[in-house]
């Protein structure tokens, strides 16, 4: 199955081929912590999976930038 980038992700990273690596995840009880799955890439499926696990935001690395992404905004909710 091909990874899908949401329209927000395409605007944020400038490419439909962007596959930023998730470095850290955020939830309101424990704050920022390392990604539960090293090497996980941000796409629609992984964003939904993390949201179901209670995370609200991620820090991703794409090229030479680190960016914070709110999962609800990324998914267009």
PDB file of N, CA and C in Angstrom:
ATOM      1  N   UNK A   1       0.837  -1.175   0.000  1.00  0.00           N
ATOM      2  CA  UNK A   1       0.000   0.000   0.000  1.00  0.00           C
ATOM      3  C   UNK A   1       0.887   1.245   0.000  1.00  0.00           C
ATOM      4  N   UNK A   2       0.588   2.180  -0.848  1.00  0.00           N
ATOM      5  CA  UNK A   2       1.374   3.410  -0.954  1.00  0.00           C
ATOM      6  C   UNK A   2       1.055   4.335   0.217  1.00  0.00           C
ATOM      7  N   UNK A   3       2.074   5.010   0.692  1.00  0.00           N
ATOM      8  CA  UNK A   3       1.885   5.986   1.753  1.00  0.00           C
ATOM      9  C   UNK A   3       1.232   7.221   1.168  1.00  0.00           C
ATOM     10  N   UNK A   4       0.269   7.788   1.890  1.00  0.00           N
ATOM     11  CA  UNK A   4      -0.413   8.971   1.379  1.00  0.00           C
ATOM     12  C   UNK A   4      -0.112  10.173   2.255  1.00  0.00           C
ATOM     13  N   UNK A   5       0.200  11.269   1.611  1.00  0.00           N
ATOM     14  CA  UNK A   5       0.450  12.534   2.289  1.00  0.00           C
ATOM     15  C   UNK A   5      -0.821  13.357   2.185  1.00  0.00           C
ATOM     16  N   UNK A   6      -1.241  13.937   3.290  1.00  0.00           N
ATOM     17  CA  UNK A   6      -2.449  14.758   3.285  1.00  0.00           C
ATOM     18  C   UNK A   6      -2.170  16.090   2.595  1.00  0.00           C
ATOM     19  N   UNK A   7      -3.220  16.810   2.178  1.00  0.00           N
ATOM     20  CA  UNK A   7      -3.012  18.130   1.563  1.00  0.00           C
ATOM     21  C   UNK A   7      -2.225  19.084   2.470  1.00  0.00           C
ATOM     22  N   UNK A   8      -2.472  19.026   3.784  1.00  0.00           N
ATOM     23  CA  UNK A   8      -1.712  19.870   4.712  1.00  0.00           C
ATOM     24  C   UNK A   8      -0.228  19.494   4.672  1.00  0.00           C
ATOM     25  N   UNK A   9       0.055  18.214   4.667  1.00  0.00           N
ATOM     26  CA  UNK A   9       1.444  17.764   4.600  1.00  0.00           C
ATOM     27  C   UNK A   9       2.122  18.194   3.319  1.00  0.00           C
ATOM     28  N   UNK A  10       1.390  18.142   2.228  1.00  0.00           N
ATOM     29  CA  UNK A  10       1.942  18.580   0.943  1.00  0.00           C
ATOM     30  C   UNK A  10       2.273  20.072   0.974  1.00  0.00           C
ATOM     31  N   UNK A  11       1.374  20.879   1.541  1.00  0.00           N
ATOM     32  CA  UNK A  11       1.645  22.325   1.648  1.00  0.00           C
ATOM     33  C   UNK A  11       2.814  22.600   2.589  1.00  0.00           C
ATOM     34  N   UNK A  12       2.861  21.892   3.694  1.00  0.00           N
ATOM     35  CA  UNK A  12       3.883  22.129   4.717  1.00  0.00           C
ATOM     36  C   UNK A  12       5.284  21.770   4.220  1.00  0.00           C
ATOM     37  N   UNK A  13       5.386  20.670   3.476  1.00  0.00           N
ATOM     38  CA  UNK A  13       6.699  20.181   3.054  1.00  0.00           C
ATOM     39  C   UNK A  13       6.998  20.425   1.583  1.00  0.00           C
ATOM     40  N   UNK A  14       5.995  20.882   0.819  1.00  0.00           N
ATOM     41  CA  UNK A  14       6.234  21.263  -0.567  1.00  0.00           C
ATOM     42  C   UNK A  14       6.320  20.127  -1.557  1.00  0.00           C
ATOM     43  N   UNK A  15       5.877  18.933  -1.163  1.00  0.00           N
ATOM     44  CA  UNK A  15       5.981  17.805  -2.081  1.00  0.00           C
ATOM     45  C   UNK A  15       5.008  16.701  -1.682  1.00  0.00           C
ATOM     46  N   UNK A  16       4.447  16.040  -2.694  1.00  0.00           N
ATOM     47  CA  UNK A  16       3.605  14.875  -2.410  1.00  0.00           C
ATOM     48  C   UNK A  16       4.465  13.672  -2.046  1.00  0.00           C
ATOM     49  N   UNK A  17       5.750  13.765  -2.289  1.00  0.00           N
ATOM     50  CA  UNK A  17       6.673  12.670  -1.975  1.00  0.00           C
ATOM     51  C   UNK A  17       7.318  12.815  -0.603  1.00  0.00           C
ATOM     52  N   UNK A  18       6.963  13.845   0.139  1.00  0.00           N
ATOM     53  CA  UNK A  18       7.577  14.085   1.452  1.00  0.00           C
ATOM     54  C   UNK A  18       7.238  12.947   2.410  1.00  0.00           C
ATOM     55  N   UNK A  19       8.249  12.386   3.030  1.00  0.00           N
ATOM     56  CA  UNK A  19       8.070  11.329   4.023  1.00  0.00           C
ATOM     57  C   UNK A  19       8.895  11.667   5.265  1.00  0.00           C
ATOM     58  N   UNK A  20       8.484  12.720   6.002  1.00  0.00           N
ATOM     59  CA  UNK A  20       9.275  13.130   7.163  1.00  0.00           C
ATOM     60  C   UNK A  20       9.301  12.050   8.248  1.00  0.00           C
ATOM     61  N   UNK A  21      10.425  11.944   8.897  1.00  0.00           N
ATOM     62  CA  UNK A  21      10.613  10.960   9.968  1.00  0.00           C
ATOM     63  C   UNK A  21      10.124  11.556  11.291  1.00  0.00           C
ATOM     64  N   UNK A  22       9.312  10.794  12.011  1.00  0.00           N
ATOM     65  CA  UNK A  22       8.794  11.233  13.308  1.00  0.00           C
ATOM     66  C   UNK A  22       9.884  11.043  14.357  1.00  0.00           C
ATOM     67  N   UNK A  23      10.288  12.145  14.992  1.00  0.00           N
ATOM     68  CA  UNK A  23      11.349  12.108  16.006  1.00  0.00           C
ATOM     69  C   UNK A  23      10.774  12.028  17.418  1.00  0.00           C
ATOM     70  N   UNK A  24       9.720  12.828  17.679  1.00  0.00           N
ATOM     71  CA  UNK A  24       9.125  12.878  19.010  1.00  0.00           C
ATOM     72  C   UNK A  24       7.611  12.969  18.885  1.00  0.00           C
ATOM     73  N   UNK A  25       6.926  12.529  19.928  1.00  0.00           N
ATOM     74  CA  UNK A  25       5.468  12.610  19.986  1.00  0.00           C
ATOM     75  C   UNK A  25       5.079  13.354  21.258  1.00  0.00           C
ATOM     76  N   UNK A  26       3.876  13.930  21.253  1.00  0.00           N
ATOM     77  CA  UNK A  26       3.415  14.724  22.391  1.00  0.00           C
ATOM     78  C   UNK A  26       2.044  14.256  22.840  1.00  0.00           C
ATOM     79  N   UNK A  27       1.890  14.139  24.155  1.00  0.00           N
ATOM     80  CA  UNK A  27       0.557  13.999  24.736  1.00  0.00           C
ATOM     81  C   UNK A  27       0.505  14.872  25.981  1.00  0.00           C
ATOM     82  N   UNK A  28      -0.686  15.257  26.384  1.00  0.00           N
ATOM     83  CA  UNK A  28      -0.834  16.263  27.439  1.00  0.00           C
ATOM     84  C   UNK A  28      -0.394  15.774  28.814  1.00  0.00           C
ATOM     85  N   UNK A  29      -0.362  14.484  29.037  1.00  0.00           N
ATOM     86  CA  UNK A  29       0.017  13.989  30.362  1.00  0.00           C
ATOM     87  C   UNK A  29       1.523  13.880  30.553  1.00  0.00           C
ATOM     88  N   UNK A  30       2.252  13.494  29.517  1.00  0.00           N
ATOM     89  CA  UNK A  30       3.701  13.298  29.690  1.00  0.00           C
ATOM     90  C   UNK A  30       4.552  14.245  28.860  1.00  0.00           C
ATOM     91  N   UNK A  31       3.935  15.077  28.035  1.00  0.00           N
ATOM     92  CA  UNK A  31       4.694  16.027  27.226  1.00  0.00           C
ATOM     93  C   UNK A  31       5.407  15.354  26.061  1.00  0.00           C
ATOM     94  N   UNK A  32       6.527  15.936  25.655  1.00  0.00           N
ATOM     95  CA  UNK A  32       7.282  15.413  24.514  1.00  0.00           C
ATOM     96  C   UNK A  32       8.117  14.211  24.942  1.00  0.00           C
ATOM     97  N   UNK A  33       8.122  13.182  24.101  1.00  0.00           N
ATOM     98  CA  UNK A  33       8.984  12.022  24.331  1.00  0.00           C
ATOM     99  C   UNK A  33       9.362  11.407  22.995  1.00  0.00           C
ATOM    100  N   UNK A  34      10.346  10.534  23.010  1.00  0.00           N
ATOM    101  CA  UNK A  34      10.816   9.916  21.772  1.00  0.00           C
ATOM    102  C   UNK A  34       9.700   9.132  21.094  1.00  0.00           C
ATOM    103  N   UNK A  35       9.805   9.013  19.792  1.00  0.00           N
ATOM    104  CA  UNK A  35       8.817   8.274  19.007  1.00  0.00           C
ATOM    105  C   UNK A  35       8.738   6.831  19.503  1.00  0.00           C
ATOM    106  N   UNK A  36       7.515   6.288  19.636  1.00  0.00           N
ATOM    107  CA  UNK A  36       7.376   4.909  20.109  1.00  0.00           C
ATOM    108  C   UNK A  36       7.911   3.883  19.106  1.00  0.00           C
ATOM    109  N   UNK A  37       8.020   4.273  17.848  1.00  0.00           N
ATOM    110  CA  UNK A  37       8.535   3.381  16.810  1.00  0.00           C
ATOM    111  C   UNK A  37       9.648   4.101  16.057  1.00  0.00           C
ATOM    112  N   UNK A  38      10.903   3.808  16.357  1.00  0.00           N
ATOM    113  CA  UNK A  38      12.001   4.479  15.651  1.00  0.00           C
ATOM    114  C   UNK A  38      11.898   4.276  14.136  1.00  0.00           C
ATOM    115  N   UNK A  39      12.124   5.347  13.398  1.00  0.00           N
ATOM    116  CA  UNK A  39      12.082   5.261  11.940  1.00  0.00           C
ATOM    117  C   UNK A  39      10.705   5.431  11.334  1.00  0.00           C
ATOM    118  N   UNK A  40       9.678   5.632  12.164  1.00  0.00           N
ATOM    119  CA  UNK A  40       8.312   5.801  11.657  1.00  0.00           C
ATOM    120  C   UNK A  40       8.216   7.076  10.827  1.00  0.00           C
ATOM    121  N   UNK A  41       7.579   6.979   9.671  1.00  0.00           N
ATOM    122  CA  UNK A  41       7.403   8.125   8.773  1.00  0.00           C
ATOM    123  C   UNK A  41       5.989   8.679   8.924  1.00  0.00           C
ATOM    124  N   UNK A  42       5.859   9.997   8.784  1.00  0.00           N
ATOM    125  CA  UNK A  42       4.551  10.642   8.901  1.00  0.00           C
ATOM    126  C   UNK A  42       3.794  10.536   7.587  1.00  0.00           C
ATOM    127  N   UNK A  43       2.665   9.878   7.640  1.00  0.00           N
ATOM    128  CA  UNK A  43       1.718   9.825   6.534  1.00  0.00           C
ATOM    129  C   UNK A  43       0.330   9.732   7.169  1.00  0.00           C
ATOM    130  N   UNK A  44      -0.685   9.644   6.360  1.00  0.00           N
ATOM    131  CA  UNK A  44      -2.044   9.644   6.898  1.00  0.00           C
ATOM    132  C   UNK A  44      -2.278   8.472   7.849  1.00  0.00           C
ATOM    133  N   UNK A  45      -1.807   7.301   7.483  1.00  0.00           N
ATOM    134  CA  UNK A  45      -2.014   6.103   8.298  1.00  0.00           C
ATOM    135  C   UNK A  45      -1.297   6.206   9.651  1.00  0.00           C
ATOM    136  N   UNK A  46      -0.044   6.617   9.645  1.00  0.00           N
ATOM    137  CA  UNK A  46       0.697   6.713  10.911  1.00  0.00           C
ATOM    138  C   UNK A  46       0.127   7.826  11.793  1.00  0.00           C
ATOM    139  N   UNK A  47      -0.343   8.921  11.189  1.00  0.00           N
ATOM    140  CA  UNK A  47      -0.943  10.009  11.963  1.00  0.00           C
ATOM    141  C   UNK A  47      -2.210   9.522  12.666  1.00  0.00           C
ATOM    142  N   UNK A  48      -3.044   8.774  11.960  1.00  0.00           N
ATOM    143  CA  UNK A  48      -4.266   8.240  12.578  1.00  0.00           C
ATOM    144  C   UNK A  48      -3.933   7.245  13.690  1.00  0.00           C
ATOM    145  N   UNK A  49      -2.928   6.413  13.456  1.00  0.00           N
ATOM    146  CA  UNK A  49      -2.506   5.437  14.457  1.00  0.00           C
ATOM    147  C   UNK A  49      -2.024   6.143  15.734  1.00  0.00           C
ATOM    148  N   UNK A  50      -1.204   7.163  15.582  1.00  0.00           N
ATOM    149  CA  UNK A  50      -0.705   7.899  16.747  1.00  0.00           C
ATOM    150  C   UNK A  50      -1.833   8.636  17.462  1.00  0.00           C
ATOM    151  N   UNK A  51      -2.760   9.191  16.703  1.00  0.00           N
ATOM    152  CA  UNK A  51      -3.897   9.895  17.297  1.00  0.00           C
ATOM    153  C   UNK A  51      -4.752   8.928  18.127  1.00  0.00           C
ATOM    154  N   UNK A  52      -4.968   7.719  17.625  1.00  0.00           N
ATOM    155  CA  UNK A  52      -5.729   6.709  18.371  1.00  0.00           C
ATOM    156  C   UNK A  52      -5.028   6.330  19.680  1.00  0.00           C
ATOM    157  N   UNK A  53      -3.704   6.414  19.695  1.00  0.00           N
ATOM    158  CA  UNK A  53      -2.927   6.081  20.894  1.00  0.00           C
ATOM    159  C   UNK A  53      -2.870   7.245  21.882  1.00  0.00           C
ATOM    160  N   UNK A  54      -3.507   8.379  21.550  1.00  0.00           N
ATOM    161  CA  UNK A  54      -3.608   9.495  22.477  1.00  0.00           C
ATOM    162  C   UNK A  54      -2.624  10.625  22.258  1.00  0.00           C
ATOM    163  N   UNK A  55      -1.825  10.556  21.214  1.00  0.00           N
ATOM    164  CA  UNK A  55      -0.876  11.632  20.932  1.00  0.00           C
ATOM    165  C   UNK A  55      -1.576  12.738  20.156  1.00  0.00           C
ATOM    166  N   UNK A  56      -1.170  13.982  20.409  1.00  0.00           N
ATOM    167  CA  UNK A  56      -1.829  15.113  19.758  1.00  0.00           C
ATOM    168  C   UNK A  56      -0.935  15.845  18.768  1.00  0.00           C
ATOM    169  N   UNK A  57       0.384  15.676  18.891  1.00  0.00           N
ATOM    170  CA  UNK A  57       1.314  16.376  17.997  1.00  0.00           C
ATOM    171  C   UNK A  57       2.575  15.542  17.816  1.00  0.00           C
ATOM    172  N   UNK A  58       3.317  15.861  16.774  1.00  0.00           N
ATOM    173  CA  UNK A  58       4.591  15.187  16.510  1.00  0.00           C
ATOM    174  C   UNK A  58       5.636  16.215  16.101  1.00  0.00           C
ATOM    175  N   UNK A  59       6.886  15.900  16.349  1.00  0.00           N
ATOM    176  CA  UNK A  59       8.007  16.654  15.789  1.00  0.00           C
ATOM    177  C   UNK A  59       8.610  15.761  14.726  1.00  0.00           C
ATOM    178  N   UNK A  60       8.698  16.298  13.526  1.00  0.00           N
ATOM    179  CA  UNK A  60       9.217  15.513  12.412  1.00  0.00           C
ATOM    180  C   UNK A  60      10.452  16.181  11.827  1.00  0.00           C
ATOM    181  N   UNK A  61      11.261  15.382  11.192  1.00  0.00           N
ATOM    182  CA  UNK A  61      12.469  15.873  10.531  1.00  0.00           C
ATOM    183  C   UNK A  61      12.321  15.593   9.048  1.00  0.00           C
ATOM    184  N   UNK A  62      12.463  16.641   8.242  1.00  0.00           N
ATOM    185  CA  UNK A  62      12.416  16.511   6.786  1.00  0.00           C
ATOM    186  C   UNK A  62      13.512  17.384   6.211  1.00  0.00           C
ATOM    187  N   UNK A  63      14.398  16.754   5.478  1.00  0.00           N
ATOM    188  CA  UNK A  63      15.583  17.430   4.954  1.00  0.00           C
ATOM    189  C   UNK A  63      16.360  18.018   6.113  1.00  0.00           C
ATOM    190  N   UNK A  64      16.552  19.312   6.174  1.00  0.00           N
ATOM    191  CA  UNK A  64      17.351  19.892   7.261  1.00  0.00           C
ATOM    192  C   UNK A  64      16.504  20.655   8.272  1.00  0.00           C
ATOM    193  N   UNK A  65      15.191  20.371   8.292  1.00  0.00           N
ATOM    194  CA  UNK A  65      14.282  21.094   9.189  1.00  0.00           C
ATOM    195  C   UNK A  65      13.608  20.147  10.168  1.00  0.00           C
ATOM    196  N   UNK A  66      13.377  20.646  11.369  1.00  0.00           N
ATOM    197  CA  UNK A  66      12.535  19.954  12.339  1.00  0.00           C
ATOM    198  C   UNK A  66      11.293  20.811  12.526  1.00  0.00           C
ATOM    199  N   UNK A  67      10.125  20.196  12.392  1.00  0.00           N
ATOM    200  CA  UNK A  67       8.855  20.919  12.406  1.00  0.00           C
ATOM    201  C   UNK A  67       7.892  20.226  13.365  1.00  0.00           C
ATOM    202  N   UNK A  68       7.113  21.022  14.096  1.00  0.00           N
ATOM    203  CA  UNK A  68       6.048  20.478  14.939  1.00  0.00           C
ATOM    204  C   UNK A  68       4.747  20.473  14.147  1.00  0.00           C
ATOM    205  N   UNK A  69       4.048  19.349  14.183  1.00  0.00           N
ATOM    206  CA  UNK A  69       2.795  19.171  13.446  1.00  0.00           C
ATOM    207  C   UNK A  69       1.708  18.723  14.423  1.00  0.00           C
ATOM    208  N   UNK A  70       0.593  19.435  14.438  1.00  0.00           N
ATOM    209  CA  UNK A  70      -0.578  19.015  15.213  1.00  0.00           C
ATOM    210  C   UNK A  70      -1.315  17.982  14.363  1.00  0.00           C
ATOM    211  N   UNK A  71      -1.554  16.807  14.929  1.00  0.00           N
ATOM    212  CA  UNK A  71      -2.137  15.711  14.150  1.00  0.00           C
ATOM    213  C   UNK A  71      -3.527  16.045  13.615  1.00  0.00           C
ATOM    214  N   UNK A  72      -4.351  16.734  14.383  1.00  0.00           N
ATOM    215  CA  UNK A  72      -5.692  17.101  13.889  1.00  0.00           C
ATOM    216  C   UNK A  72      -5.593  17.976  12.651  1.00  0.00           C
ATOM    217  N   UNK A  73      -4.668  18.921  12.658  1.00  0.00           N
ATOM    218  CA  UNK A  73      -4.496  19.798  11.496  1.00  0.00           C
ATOM    219  C   UNK A  73      -3.963  18.989  10.308  1.00  0.00           C
ATOM    220  N   UNK A  74      -3.002  18.116  10.551  1.00  0.00           N
ATOM    221  CA  UNK A  74      -2.428  17.301   9.485  1.00  0.00           C
ATOM    222  C   UNK A  74      -3.508  16.444   8.812  1.00  0.00           C
ATOM    223  N   UNK A  75      -4.424  15.918   9.628  1.00  0.00           N
ATOM    224  CA  UNK A  75      -5.484  15.053   9.100  1.00  0.00           C
ATOM    225  C   UNK A  75      -6.692  15.833   8.587  1.00  0.00           C
ATOM    226  N   UNK A  76      -6.691  17.147   8.763  1.00  0.00           N
ATOM    227  CA  UNK A  76      -7.783  17.969   8.247  1.00  0.00           C
ATOM    228  C   UNK A  76      -9.046  17.893   9.072  1.00  0.00           C
ATOM    229  N   UNK A  77      -8.913  17.650  10.347  1.00  0.00           N
ATOM    230  CA  UNK A  77     -10.098  17.536  11.224  1.00  0.00           C
ATOM    231  C   UNK A  77     -10.418  18.849  11.887  1.00  0.00           C
TER     232      UNK A  77
END
